Protein backbone atom coordinates (compact mmCIF):
# COMPACT_ATOMS: atom_id res chain seq x y z
CA MET A 1 -0.21 -0.07 0.15
CA ILE A 2 1.29 3.51 -1.09
CA ALA A 3 0.34 5.80 2.22
CA ARG A 4 2.41 8.42 0.86
CA PRO A 5 3.68 9.50 -2.81
CA ALA A 6 7.81 10.27 -3.74
CA PRO A 7 8.59 13.44 -4.10
CA VAL A 8 8.52 15.13 -8.11
CA MET A 9 11.77 15.51 -9.06
CA ILE A 10 12.36 18.63 -11.06
CA LEU A 11 15.26 19.44 -13.03
CA VAL A 12 17.33 22.61 -12.41
CA ARG A 13 19.98 24.34 -13.60
CA ASP A 14 20.36 26.34 -9.82
CA GLN A 15 18.83 25.76 -7.26
CA ASP A 16 18.66 28.54 -5.27
CA GLU A 17 17.16 30.69 -8.25
CA ALA A 18 14.81 27.67 -8.72
CA LEU A 19 14.13 28.21 -4.95
CA TYR A 20 13.09 31.56 -5.39
CA TRP A 21 11.28 31.46 -8.11
CA PHE A 22 8.64 28.55 -6.93
CA THR A 23 8.64 30.09 -3.72
CA GLU A 24 8.34 33.92 -4.66
CA LYS A 25 7.23 34.06 -7.91
CA LEU A 26 4.28 30.71 -7.89
CA GLY A 27 4.02 30.91 -4.09
CA LEU A 28 5.11 27.63 -3.06
CA GLU A 29 6.55 26.54 0.40
CA LYS A 30 9.57 25.49 0.81
CA LYS A 31 9.93 22.62 2.62
CA THR A 32 13.35 21.16 2.78
CA ASP A 33 17.03 22.88 2.22
CA LYS A 34 19.59 20.84 3.86
CA GLU A 35 23.11 20.49 2.25
CA PHE A 36 25.57 17.09 2.87
CA GLY A 37 28.20 14.79 1.66
CA SER A 38 30.80 16.77 -0.99
CA GLY A 39 28.44 19.89 -1.94
CA ALA A 40 24.94 17.65 -2.85
CA ARG A 41 21.97 19.17 -1.87
CA TRP A 42 18.42 18.35 -1.50
CA SER A 43 15.61 21.33 -1.91
CA THR A 44 12.28 20.41 -1.89
CA VAL A 45 8.96 23.03 -2.48
CA ALA A 46 5.61 22.33 -1.68
CA PRO A 47 2.15 24.02 -1.87
CA ARG A 48 1.29 25.80 1.00
CA ASN A 49 -1.10 23.78 3.65
CA GLN A 50 0.06 20.70 1.10
CA GLU A 51 1.58 17.68 3.18
CA ASP A 52 1.51 14.67 1.19
CA LEU A 53 3.43 15.99 -2.18
CA GLU A 54 6.91 18.06 -1.95
CA VAL A 55 8.36 18.92 -5.48
CA ALA A 56 12.60 17.94 -5.35
CA LEU A 57 14.60 20.85 -7.01
CA GLN A 58 17.57 18.62 -8.49
CA LYS A 59 20.57 19.84 -9.81
CA PRO A 60 22.25 17.50 -11.77
CA ASP A 61 26.08 16.85 -10.66
CA VAL A 62 28.94 14.82 -11.20
CA LEU A 63 29.21 13.42 -7.46
CA ARG A 64 26.02 11.74 -8.22
CA HIS A 65 25.46 11.28 -11.64
CA THR A 66 29.01 10.77 -13.06
CA LYS A 67 30.61 14.03 -15.69
CA LYS A 68 28.94 12.00 -18.40
CA GLY A 69 25.59 11.42 -16.53
CA ALA A 70 25.28 15.01 -15.43
CA LYS A 71 25.68 16.39 -18.65
CA GLU A 72 23.41 14.45 -20.19
CA LEU A 73 20.31 15.22 -17.42
CA MET A 74 21.73 19.14 -18.16
CA LYS A 75 20.06 18.98 -21.76
CA HIS A 76 16.69 17.89 -20.57
CA ILE A 77 16.06 20.68 -17.73
CA GLY A 78 13.17 22.44 -18.52
CA SER A 79 11.27 19.25 -21.18
CA GLY A 80 9.73 17.69 -18.24
CA THR A 81 10.75 15.56 -15.22
CA PRO A 82 13.21 12.78 -15.10
């Protein structure tokens, strides 16, 4: 049984810029913004008063996706979710 959906992932070029756009322009609420590991960052937003769904703002990087993988993912920014 699925109790709660996983975060929806959106690829972004710049997490700070994306957080600003989703919170200040669209009015979503920042839920999580944590740095961990070697510069990795987990940032999520959601509609205000929404507890069931979060949108993760993911920046492709070589630490998590390899250099080739990050380059390929960057091509998909703005075209949909991975």
